Amino acid sequence: TSLRCSAHEYRLLAQGHADFCLGIAPKPWDHAAGVLLCRQAGGVAAF
C-alpha cells in the first residue's frame, strides 16, 4: 500500500511494523532520514 507519507512509512518500518519501502526517483527530503533510521534499527537500504 501507500500512506502518501514517507515519514510514517519509514517510522513503521523502523518499528518492525512493516517489511519494506520502495522509493521511485527518490527525493532526498523524503528518504535520507528514513534510510538511516531503518539501517540503524537493523535494516538494509540500497538502490
All heavy atoms as atom14 arrays in JSON, in Angstrom:
{
  "sequence": "TSLRCSAHEYRLLAQGHADFCLGIAPKPWDHAAGVLLCRQAGGVAAF",
  "atom14_mask": [
    [1, 1, 1, 1, 1, 1, 1, 0, 0, 0, 0, 0, 0, 0],
    [1, 1, 1, 1, 1, 1, 0, 0, 0, 0, 0, 0, 0, 0],
    [1, 1, 1, 1, 1, 1, 1, 1, 0, 0, 0, 0, 0, 0],
    [1, 1, 1, 1, 1, 1, 1, 1, 1, 1, 1, 0, 0, 0],
    [1, 1, 1, 1, 1, 1, 0, 0, 0, 0, 0, 0, 0, 0],
    [1, 1, 1, 1, 1, 1, 0, 0, 0, 0, 0, 0, 0, 0],
    [1, 1, 1, 1, 1, 0, 0, 0, 0, 0, 0, 0, 0, 0],
    [1, 1, 1, 1, 1, 1, 1, 1, 1, 1, 0, 0, 0, 0],
    [1, 1, 1, 1, 1, 1, 1, 1, 1, 0, 0, 0, 0, 0],
    [1, 1, 1, 1, 1, 1, 1, 1, 1, 1, 1, 1, 0, 0],
    [1, 1, 1, 1, 1, 1, 1, 1, 1, 1, 1, 0, 0, 0],
    [1, 1, 1, 1, 1, 1, 1, 1, 0, 0, 0, 0, 0, 0],
    [1, 1, 1, 1, 1, 1, 1, 1, 0, 0, 0, 0, 0, 0],
    [1, 1, 1, 1, 1, 0, 0, 0, 0, 0, 0, 0, 0, 0],
    [1, 1, 1, 1, 1, 1, 1, 1, 1, 0, 0, 0, 0, 0],
    [1, 1, 1, 1, 0, 0, 0, 0, 0, 0, 0, 0, 0, 0],
    [1, 1, 1, 1, 1, 1, 1, 1, 1, 1, 0, 0, 0, 0],
    [1, 1, 1, 1, 1, 0, 0, 0, 0, 0, 0, 0, 0, 0],
    [1, 1, 1, 1, 1, 1, 1, 1, 0, 0, 0, 0, 0, 0],
    [1, 1, 1, 1, 1, 1, 1, 1, 1, 1, 1, 0, 0, 0],
    [1, 1, 1, 1, 1, 1, 0, 0, 0, 0, 0, 0, 0, 0],
    [1, 1, 1, 1, 1, 1, 1, 1, 0, 0, 0, 0, 0, 0],
    [1, 1, 1, 1, 0, 0, 0, 0, 0, 0, 0, 0, 0, 0],
    [1, 1, 1, 1, 1, 1, 1, 1, 0, 0, 0, 0, 0, 0],
    [1, 1, 1, 1, 1, 0, 0, 0, 0, 0, 0, 0, 0, 0],
    [1, 1, 1, 1, 1, 1, 1, 0, 0, 0, 0, 0, 0, 0],
    [1, 1, 1, 1, 1, 1, 1, 1, 1, 0, 0, 0, 0, 0],
    [1, 1, 1, 1, 1, 1, 1, 0, 0, 0, 0, 0, 0, 0],
    [1, 1, 1, 1, 1, 1, 1, 1, 1, 1, 1, 1, 1, 1],
    [1, 1, 1, 1, 1, 1, 1, 1, 0, 0, 0, 0, 0, 0],
    [1, 1, 1, 1, 1, 1, 1, 1, 1, 1, 0, 0, 0, 0],
    [1, 1, 1, 1, 1, 0, 0, 0, 0, 0, 0, 0, 0, 0],
    [1, 1, 1, 1, 1, 0, 0, 0, 0, 0, 0, 0, 0, 0],
    [1, 1, 1, 1, 0, 0, 0, 0, 0, 0, 0, 0, 0, 0],
    [1, 1, 1, 1, 1, 1, 1, 0, 0, 0, 0, 0, 0, 0],
    [1, 1, 1, 1, 1, 1, 1, 1, 0, 0, 0, 0, 0, 0],
    [1, 1, 1, 1, 1, 1, 1, 1, 0, 0, 0, 0, 0, 0],
    [1, 1, 1, 1, 1, 1, 0, 0, 0, 0, 0, 0, 0, 0],
    [1, 1, 1, 1, 1, 1, 1, 1, 1, 1, 1, 0, 0, 0],
    [1, 1, 1, 1, 1, 1, 1, 1, 1, 0, 0, 0, 0, 0],
    [1, 1, 1, 1, 1, 0, 0, 0, 0, 0, 0, 0, 0, 0],
    [1, 1, 1, 1, 0, 0, 0, 0, 0, 0, 0, 0, 0, 0],
    [1, 1, 1, 1, 0, 0, 0, 0, 0, 0, 0, 0, 0, 0],
    [1, 1, 1, 1, 1, 1, 1, 0, 0, 0, 0, 0, 0, 0],
    [1, 1, 1, 1, 1, 0, 0, 0, 0, 0, 0, 0, 0, 0],
    [1, 1, 1, 1, 1, 0, 0, 0, 0, 0, 0, 0, 0, 0],
    [1, 1, 1, 1, 1, 1, 1, 1, 1, 1, 1, 0, 0, 0]
  ],
  "atom14_positions": [
    [[0.84, -1.19, 0.0], [0.0, 0.0, 0.0], [0.88, 1.24, 0.0], [2.09, 1.15, -0.15], [-0.94, -0.02, 1.24], [-1.87, 1.05, 1.14], [-0.15, 0.1, 2.52], [0.0, 0.0, 0.0], [0.0, 0.0, 0.0], [0.0, 0.0, 0.0], [0.0, 0.0, 0.0], [0.0, 0.0, 0.0], [0.0, 0.0, 0.0], [0.0, 0.0, 0.0]],
    [[0.27, 2.39, 0.16], [0.98, 3.67, 0.29], [0.21, 4.55, 1.25], [-1.02, 4.64, 1.18], [1.11, 4.37, -1.07], [1.63, 5.67, -0.91], [0.0, 0.0, 0.0], [0.0, 0.0, 0.0], [0.0, 0.0, 0.0], [0.0, 0.0, 0.0], [0.0, 0.0, 0.0], [0.0, 0.0, 0.0], [0.0, 0.0, 0.0], [0.0, 0.0, 0.0]],
    [[0.93, 5.21, 2.14], [0.31, 6.15, 3.08], [0.37, 7.59, 2.58], [-0.12, 8.48, 3.26], [1.01, 6.07, 4.44], [1.01, 4.71, 5.14], [1.73, 4.81, 6.48], [-0.4, 4.19, 5.33], [0.0, 0.0, 0.0], [0.0, 0.0, 0.0], [0.0, 0.0, 0.0], [0.0, 0.0, 0.0], [0.0, 0.0, 0.0], [0.0, 0.0, 0.0]],
    [[0.99, 7.8, 1.42], [1.24, 9.15, 0.92], [2.03, 9.97, 1.94], [1.86, 11.17, 2.05], [-0.07, 9.87, 0.58], [-0.92, 9.2, -0.48], [-2.13, 10.05, -0.82], [-1.71, 11.32, -1.4], [-1.62, 11.56, -2.7], [-1.92, 10.61, -3.57], [-1.24, 12.74, -3.14], [0.0, 0.0, 0.0], [0.0, 0.0, 0.0], [0.0, 0.0, 0.0]],
    [[2.91, 9.29, 2.67], [3.69, 9.96, 3.71], [4.91, 9.12, 4.04], [4.82, 8.13, 4.78], [2.83, 10.17, 4.96], [3.71, 10.97, 6.31], [0.0, 0.0, 0.0], [0.0, 0.0, 0.0], [0.0, 0.0, 0.0], [0.0, 0.0, 0.0], [0.0, 0.0, 0.0], [0.0, 0.0, 0.0], [0.0, 0.0, 0.0], [0.0, 0.0, 0.0]],
    [[6.06, 9.5, 3.48], [7.3, 8.76, 3.75], [7.63, 8.75, 5.23], [8.19, 7.77, 5.74], [8.46, 9.38, 2.97], [8.29, 9.22, 1.58], [0.0, 0.0, 0.0], [0.0, 0.0, 0.0], [0.0, 0.0, 0.0], [0.0, 0.0, 0.0], [0.0, 0.0, 0.0], [0.0, 0.0, 0.0], [0.0, 0.0, 0.0], [0.0, 0.0, 0.0]],
    [[7.33, 9.84, 5.93], [7.66, 9.92, 7.34], [7.08, 8.75, 8.11], [7.78, 8.06, 8.87], [7.15, 11.25, 7.93], [0.0, 0.0, 0.0], [0.0, 0.0, 0.0], [0.0, 0.0, 0.0], [0.0, 0.0, 0.0], [0.0, 0.0, 0.0], [0.0, 0.0, 0.0], [0.0, 0.0, 0.0], [0.0, 0.0, 0.0], [0.0, 0.0, 0.0]],
    [[5.79, 8.48, 7.94], [5.17, 7.4, 8.7], [5.47, 6.04, 8.11], [5.5, 5.03, 8.85], [3.67, 7.65, 8.82], [3.33, 8.64, 9.88], [3.34, 8.32, 11.22], [3.04, 9.97, 9.82], [3.03, 9.4, 11.94], [2.85, 10.41, 11.11], [0.0, 0.0, 0.0], [0.0, 0.0, 0.0], [0.0, 0.0, 0.0], [0.0, 0.0, 0.0]],
    [[5.73, 5.95, 6.83], [6.12, 4.67, 6.26], [7.46, 4.22, 6.84], [7.62, 3.06, 7.26], [6.18, 4.78, 4.73], [4.81, 4.94, 4.12], [4.82, 5.16, 2.63], [5.92, 5.28, 2.03], [3.73, 5.22, 2.03], [0.0, 0.0, 0.0], [0.0, 0.0, 0.0], [0.0, 0.0, 0.0], [0.0, 0.0, 0.0], [0.0, 0.0, 0.0]],
    [[8.43, 5.12, 6.88], [9.72, 4.76, 7.46], [9.64, 4.54, 8.96], [10.34, 3.68, 9.52], [10.76, 5.83, 7.13], [11.38, 5.67, 5.76], [11.19, 6.63, 4.77], [12.16, 4.57, 5.45], [11.75, 6.49, 3.51], [12.72, 4.41, 4.19], [12.52, 5.37, 3.22], [13.08, 5.23, 1.98], [0.0, 0.0, 0.0], [0.0, 0.0, 0.0]],
    [[8.81, 5.3, 9.65], [8.63, 5.07, 11.08], [8.1, 3.65, 11.33], [8.57, 2.95, 12.23], [7.69, 6.12, 11.68], [8.35, 7.47, 11.97], [7.33, 8.51, 12.42], [6.62, 8.09, 13.61], [6.77, 8.66, 14.83], [7.63, 9.66, 15.0], [6.07, 8.23, 15.86], [0.0, 0.0, 0.0], [0.0, 0.0, 0.0], [0.0, 0.0, 0.0]],
    [[7.13, 3.23, 10.55], [6.58, 1.89, 10.72], [7.62, 0.82, 10.42], [7.71, -0.2, 11.13], [5.36, 1.71, 9.82], [4.11, 2.47, 10.27], [3.04, 2.42, 9.18], [3.55, 1.91, 11.56], [0.0, 0.0, 0.0], [0.0, 0.0, 0.0], [0.0, 0.0, 0.0], [0.0, 0.0, 0.0], [0.0, 0.0, 0.0], [0.0, 0.0, 0.0]],
    [[8.43, 1.04, 9.38], [9.48, 0.07, 9.04], [10.5, -0.02, 10.17], [10.9, -1.12, 10.58], [10.14, 0.48, 7.73], [11.25, -0.43, 7.19], [10.78, -1.87, 7.07], [11.74, 0.09, 5.84], [0.0, 0.0, 0.0], [0.0, 0.0, 0.0], [0.0, 0.0, 0.0], [0.0, 0.0, 0.0], [0.0, 0.0, 0.0], [0.0, 0.0, 0.0]],
    [[10.93, 1.12, 10.7], [11.93, 1.13, 11.77], [11.41, 0.51, 13.05], [12.19, 0.01, 13.87], [12.4, 2.56, 12.04], [0.0, 0.0, 0.0], [0.0, 0.0, 0.0], [0.0, 0.0, 0.0], [0.0, 0.0, 0.0], [0.0, 0.0, 0.0], [0.0, 0.0, 0.0], [0.0, 0.0, 0.0], [0.0, 0.0, 0.0], [0.0, 0.0, 0.0]],
    [[10.09, 0.52, 13.26], [9.5, -0.05, 14.46], [9.12, -1.52, 14.3], [8.58, -2.13, 15.23], [8.25, 0.76, 14.86], [8.57, 2.17, 15.3], [7.32, 2.95, 15.67], [6.84, 2.89, 16.78], [6.78, 3.67, 14.69], [0.0, 0.0, 0.0], [0.0, 0.0, 0.0], [0.0, 0.0, 0.0], [0.0, 0.0, 0.0], [0.0, 0.0, 0.0]],
    [[9.39, -2.1, 13.15], [9.09, -3.51, 12.94], [7.67, -3.8, 12.52], [7.24, -4.95, 12.53], [0.0, 0.0, 0.0], [0.0, 0.0, 0.0], [0.0, 0.0, 0.0], [0.0, 0.0, 0.0], [0.0, 0.0, 0.0], [0.0, 0.0, 0.0], [0.0, 0.0, 0.0], [0.0, 0.0, 0.0], [0.0, 0.0, 0.0], [0.0, 0.0, 0.0]],
    [[6.92, -2.77, 12.11], [5.52, -2.95, 11.73], [5.34, -3.09, 10.22], [4.2, -3.22, 9.75], [4.69, -1.77, 12.23], [4.76, -1.58, 13.71], [4.7, -2.62, 14.6], [4.91, -0.45, 14.46], [4.79, -2.16, 15.83], [4.93, -0.85, 15.78], [0.0, 0.0, 0.0], [0.0, 0.0, 0.0], [0.0, 0.0, 0.0], [0.0, 0.0, 0.0]],
    [[6.41, -3.03, 9.47], [6.38, -3.23, 8.02], [7.72, -3.84, 7.63], [8.67, -3.86, 8.42], [6.13, -1.91, 7.28], [0.0, 0.0, 0.0], [0.0, 0.0, 0.0], [0.0, 0.0, 0.0], [0.0, 0.0, 0.0], [0.0, 0.0, 0.0], [0.0, 0.0, 0.0], [0.0, 0.0, 0.0], [0.0, 0.0, 0.0], [0.0, 0.0, 0.0]],
    [[7.79, -4.32, 6.38], [8.98, -5.04, 5.94], [9.79, -4.33, 4.87], [10.97, -4.63, 4.7], [8.57, -6.42, 5.43], [7.87, -7.24, 6.49], [8.56, -7.79, 7.37], [6.62, -7.31, 6.44], [0.0, 0.0, 0.0], [0.0, 0.0, 0.0], [0.0, 0.0, 0.0], [0.0, 0.0, 0.0], [0.0, 0.0, 0.0], [0.0, 0.0, 0.0]],
    [[9.17, -3.4, 4.14], [9.93, -2.73, 3.09], [9.27, -1.43, 2.67], [8.08, -1.22, 2.87], [10.1, -3.65, 1.86], [8.81, -4.0, 1.16], [8.31, -3.21, 0.13], [8.1, -5.15, 1.51], [7.13, -3.53, -0.52], [6.92, -5.48, 0.85], [6.43, -4.68, -0.16], [0.0, 0.0, 0.0], [0.0, 0.0, 0.0], [0.0, 0.0, 0.0]],
    [[10.1, -0.56, 2.09], [9.65, 0.68, 1.44], [10.34, 0.76, 0.09], [11.55, 0.53, -0.01], [10.04, 1.91, 2.25], [9.14, 2.16, 3.79], [0.0, 0.0, 0.0], [0.0, 0.0, 0.0], [0.0, 0.0, 0.0], [0.0, 0.0, 0.0], [0.0, 0.0, 0.0], [0.0, 0.0, 0.0], [0.0, 0.0, 0.0], [0.0, 0.0, 0.0]],
    [[9.6, 1.13, -0.93], [10.16, 1.33, -2.26], [10.12, 2.82, -2.58], [9.1, 3.48, -2.34], [9.35, 0.55, -3.3], [10.01, 0.29, -4.65], [11.15, -0.71, -4.49], [8.99, -0.23, -5.66], [0.0, 0.0, 0.0], [0.0, 0.0, 0.0], [0.0, 0.0, 0.0], [0.0, 0.0, 0.0], [0.0, 0.0, 0.0], [0.0, 0.0, 0.0]],
    [[11.22, 3.34, -3.1], [11.29, 4.74, -3.49], [11.58, 4.88, -4.98], [12.56, 4.34, -5.46], [0.0, 0.0, 0.0], [0.0, 0.0, 0.0], [0.0, 0.0, 0.0], [0.0, 0.0, 0.0], [0.0, 0.0, 0.0], [0.0, 0.0, 0.0], [0.0, 0.0, 0.0], [0.0, 0.0, 0.0], [0.0, 0.0, 0.0], [0.0, 0.0, 0.0]],
    [[10.72, 5.59, -5.69], [10.88, 5.78, -7.13], [11.47, 7.17, -7.37], [10.9, 8.17, -6.94], [9.53, 5.66, -7.86], [8.83, 4.34, -7.5], [9.73, 5.79, -9.37], [9.56, 3.1, -7.93], [0.0, 0.0, 0.0], [0.0, 0.0, 0.0], [0.0, 0.0, 0.0], [0.0, 0.0, 0.0], [0.0, 0.0, 0.0], [0.0, 0.0, 0.0]],
    [[12.63, 7.25, -8.07], [13.31, 8.53, -8.27], [13.33, 9.3, -6.96], [12.76, 10.39, -6.86], [12.66, 9.33, -9.4], [0.0, 0.0, 0.0], [0.0, 0.0, 0.0], [0.0, 0.0, 0.0], [0.0, 0.0, 0.0], [0.0, 0.0, 0.0], [0.0, 0.0, 0.0], [0.0, 0.0, 0.0], [0.0, 0.0, 0.0], [0.0, 0.0, 0.0]],
    [[13.95, 8.75, -5.94], [13.77, 9.26, -4.57], [14.32, 10.67, -4.35], [15.46, 10.97, -4.69], [14.54, 8.24, -3.71], [15.54, 7.65, -4.64], [14.88, 7.62, -5.98], [0.0, 0.0, 0.0], [0.0, 0.0, 0.0], [0.0, 0.0, 0.0], [0.0, 0.0, 0.0], [0.0, 0.0, 0.0], [0.0, 0.0, 0.0], [0.0, 0.0, 0.0]],
    [[13.49, 11.51, -3.77], [13.92, 12.85, -3.41], [14.56, 12.81, -2.04], [14.06, 12.14, -1.14], [12.71, 13.8, -3.44], [12.08, 13.91, -4.82], [10.82, 14.76, -4.8], [10.19, 14.85, -6.18], [8.94, 15.62, -6.18], [0.0, 0.0, 0.0], [0.0, 0.0, 0.0], [0.0, 0.0, 0.0], [0.0, 0.0, 0.0], [0.0, 0.0, 0.0]],
    [[15.66, 13.53, -1.84], [16.41, 13.37, -0.58], [15.62, 13.71, 0.66], [15.78, 13.07, 1.7], [17.6, 14.31, -0.76], [17.21, 15.27, -1.86], [16.31, 14.49, -2.75], [0.0, 0.0, 0.0], [0.0, 0.0, 0.0], [0.0, 0.0, 0.0], [0.0, 0.0, 0.0], [0.0, 0.0, 0.0], [0.0, 0.0, 0.0], [0.0, 0.0, 0.0]],
    [[14.75, 14.7, 0.6], [13.98, 15.09, 1.79], [12.96, 14.02, 2.18], [12.54, 13.98, 3.32], [13.28, 16.43, 1.58], [12.72, 16.6, 0.2], [11.51, 16.19, -0.26], [13.37, 17.24, -0.91], [11.36, 16.53, -1.59], [12.49, 17.18, -2.01], [14.61, 17.87, -1.07], [12.81, 17.7, -3.26], [14.93, 18.39, -2.32], [14.03, 18.3, -3.39]],
    [[12.59, 13.14, 1.26], [11.67, 12.06, 1.58], [12.35, 10.83, 2.17], [11.73, 10.07, 2.91], [10.89, 11.62, 0.33], [9.88, 12.63, -0.13], [9.33, 13.36, 0.72], [9.62, 12.71, -1.35], [0.0, 0.0, 0.0], [0.0, 0.0, 0.0], [0.0, 0.0, 0.0], [0.0, 0.0, 0.0], [0.0, 0.0, 0.0], [0.0, 0.0, 0.0]],
    [[13.63, 10.6, 1.83], [14.24, 9.3, 2.09], [15.52, 9.31, 2.92], [15.83, 8.29, 3.53], [14.52, 8.6, 0.75], [13.29, 8.32, -0.04], [12.48, 7.22, 0.18], [12.7, 9.02, -1.05], [11.46, 7.24, -0.67], [11.57, 8.32, -1.42], [0.0, 0.0, 0.0], [0.0, 0.0, 0.0], [0.0, 0.0, 0.0], [0.0, 0.0, 0.0]],
    [[16.27, 10.4, 2.94], [17.58, 10.37, 3.61], [17.47, 9.98, 5.07], [18.22, 9.14, 5.58], [18.29, 11.72, 3.46], [0.0, 0.0, 0.0], [0.0, 0.0, 0.0], [0.0, 0.0, 0.0], [0.0, 0.0, 0.0], [0.0, 0.0, 0.0], [0.0, 0.0, 0.0], [0.0, 0.0, 0.0], [0.0, 0.0, 0.0], [0.0, 0.0, 0.0]],
    [[16.54, 10.59, 5.79], [16.38, 10.28, 7.21], [15.89, 8.85, 7.4], [16.39, 8.11, 8.25], [15.42, 11.27, 7.86], [0.0, 0.0, 0.0], [0.0, 0.0, 0.0], [0.0, 0.0, 0.0], [0.0, 0.0, 0.0], [0.0, 0.0, 0.0], [0.0, 0.0, 0.0], [0.0, 0.0, 0.0], [0.0, 0.0, 0.0], [0.0, 0.0, 0.0]],
    [[14.89, 8.44, 6.64], [14.32, 7.11, 6.8], [15.32, 6.01, 6.55], [15.31, 4.98, 7.24], [0.0, 0.0, 0.0], [0.0, 0.0, 0.0], [0.0, 0.0, 0.0], [0.0, 0.0, 0.0], [0.0, 0.0, 0.0], [0.0, 0.0, 0.0], [0.0, 0.0, 0.0], [0.0, 0.0, 0.0], [0.0, 0.0, 0.0], [0.0, 0.0, 0.0]],
    [[16.19, 6.2, 5.57], [17.22, 5.2, 5.29], [18.1, 4.98, 6.51], [18.37, 3.84, 6.91], [18.06, 5.64, 4.07], [19.38, 4.87, 4.01], [17.28, 5.42, 2.78], [0.0, 0.0, 0.0], [0.0, 0.0, 0.0], [0.0, 0.0, 0.0], [0.0, 0.0, 0.0], [0.0, 0.0, 0.0], [0.0, 0.0, 0.0], [0.0, 0.0, 0.0]],
    [[18.56, 6.06, 7.13], [19.43, 5.92, 8.3], [18.67, 5.32, 9.48], [19.19, 4.44, 10.18], [20.04, 7.26, 8.69], [21.04, 7.2, 9.85], [22.26, 6.37, 9.48], [21.47, 8.61, 10.27], [0.0, 0.0, 0.0], [0.0, 0.0, 0.0], [0.0, 0.0, 0.0], [0.0, 0.0, 0.0], [0.0, 0.0, 0.0], [0.0, 0.0, 0.0]],
    [[17.45, 5.77, 9.71], [16.66, 5.22, 10.82], [16.49, 3.71, 10.68], [16.6, 2.97, 11.66], [15.29, 5.89, 10.87], [15.25, 7.38, 11.24], [13.82, 7.89, 11.16], [15.82, 7.62, 12.62], [0.0, 0.0, 0.0], [0.0, 0.0, 0.0], [0.0, 0.0, 0.0], [0.0, 0.0, 0.0], [0.0, 0.0, 0.0], [0.0, 0.0, 0.0]],
    [[16.2, 3.25, 9.47], [15.98, 1.83, 9.27], [17.28, 1.04, 9.33], [17.32, -0.07, 9.89], [15.24, 1.59, 7.95], [13.54, 2.23, 7.99], [0.0, 0.0, 0.0], [0.0, 0.0, 0.0], [0.0, 0.0, 0.0], [0.0, 0.0, 0.0], [0.0, 0.0, 0.0], [0.0, 0.0, 0.0], [0.0, 0.0, 0.0], [0.0, 0.0, 0.0]],
    [[18.35, 1.58, 8.79], [19.64, 0.9, 8.88], [20.05, 0.71, 10.33], [20.5, -0.36, 10.73], [20.71, 1.72, 8.15], [20.74, 1.53, 6.65], [21.83, 2.4, 6.08], [21.98, 2.25, 4.64], [22.68, 3.06, 3.88], [23.31, 4.1, 4.43], [22.78, 2.85, 2.59], [0.0, 0.0, 0.0], [0.0, 0.0, 0.0], [0.0, 0.0, 0.0]],
    [[19.94, 1.77, 11.11], [20.4, 1.69, 12.49], [19.45, 0.89, 13.37], [19.77, 0.59, 14.52], [20.59, 3.1, 13.06], [21.68, 3.91, 12.36], [23.02, 3.2, 12.36], [23.41, 2.56, 11.39], [23.75, 3.31, 13.47], [0.0, 0.0, 0.0], [0.0, 0.0, 0.0], [0.0, 0.0, 0.0], [0.0, 0.0, 0.0], [0.0, 0.0, 0.0]],
    [[18.28, 0.52, 12.83], [17.38, -0.39, 13.52], [17.57, -1.83, 13.03], [16.84, -2.72, 13.44], [15.93, 0.04, 13.3], [0.0, 0.0, 0.0], [0.0, 0.0, 0.0], [0.0, 0.0, 0.0], [0.0, 0.0, 0.0], [0.0, 0.0, 0.0], [0.0, 0.0, 0.0], [0.0, 0.0, 0.0], [0.0, 0.0, 0.0], [0.0, 0.0, 0.0]],
    [[18.55, -2.04, 12.15], [18.88, -3.37, 11.67], [18.51, -3.67, 10.24], [18.7, -4.79, 9.77], [0.0, 0.0, 0.0], [0.0, 0.0, 0.0], [0.0, 0.0, 0.0], [0.0, 0.0, 0.0], [0.0, 0.0, 0.0], [0.0, 0.0, 0.0], [0.0, 0.0, 0.0], [0.0, 0.0, 0.0], [0.0, 0.0, 0.0], [0.0, 0.0, 0.0]],
    [[18.0, -2.67, 9.51], [17.57, -2.89, 8.14], [18.66, -2.63, 7.12], [19.82, -2.36, 7.46], [0.0, 0.0, 0.0], [0.0, 0.0, 0.0], [0.0, 0.0, 0.0], [0.0, 0.0, 0.0], [0.0, 0.0, 0.0], [0.0, 0.0, 0.0], [0.0, 0.0, 0.0], [0.0, 0.0, 0.0], [0.0, 0.0, 0.0], [0.0, 0.0, 0.0]],
    [[18.28, -2.68, 5.86], [19.19, -2.54, 4.72], [18.56, -1.6, 3.72], [17.36, -1.66, 3.47], [19.46, -3.91, 4.05], [20.35, -3.74, 2.83], [20.08, -4.89, 5.03], [0.0, 0.0, 0.0], [0.0, 0.0, 0.0], [0.0, 0.0, 0.0], [0.0, 0.0, 0.0], [0.0, 0.0, 0.0], [0.0, 0.0, 0.0], [0.0, 0.0, 0.0]],
    [[19.37, -0.73, 3.12], [18.86, 0.18, 2.09], [19.91, 0.31, 0.99], [21.09, 0.48, 1.26], [18.54, 1.55, 2.66], [0.0, 0.0, 0.0], [0.0, 0.0, 0.0], [0.0, 0.0, 0.0], [0.0, 0.0, 0.0], [0.0, 0.0, 0.0], [0.0, 0.0, 0.0], [0.0, 0.0, 0.0], [0.0, 0.0, 0.0], [0.0, 0.0, 0.0]],
    [[19.46, 0.24, -0.25], [20.34, 0.43, -1.41], [19.45, 0.6, -2.64], [18.26, 0.25, -2.62], [21.27, -0.77, -1.6], [0.0, 0.0, 0.0], [0.0, 0.0, 0.0], [0.0, 0.0, 0.0], [0.0, 0.0, 0.0], [0.0, 0.0, 0.0], [0.0, 0.0, 0.0], [0.0, 0.0, 0.0], [0.0, 0.0, 0.0], [0.0, 0.0, 0.0]],
    [[20.04, 1.12, -3.7], [19.33, 1.2, -4.97], [19.29, -0.19, -5.6], [20.15, -1.04, -5.34], [20.02, 2.19, -5.9], [19.8, 3.63, -5.49], [20.71, 4.28, -4.67], [18.69, 4.32, -5.93], [20.51, 5.6, -4.29], [18.47, 5.65, -5.56], [19.39, 6.28, -4.74], [0.0, 0.0, 0.0], [0.0, 0.0, 0.0], [0.0, 0.0, 0.0]]
  ]
}
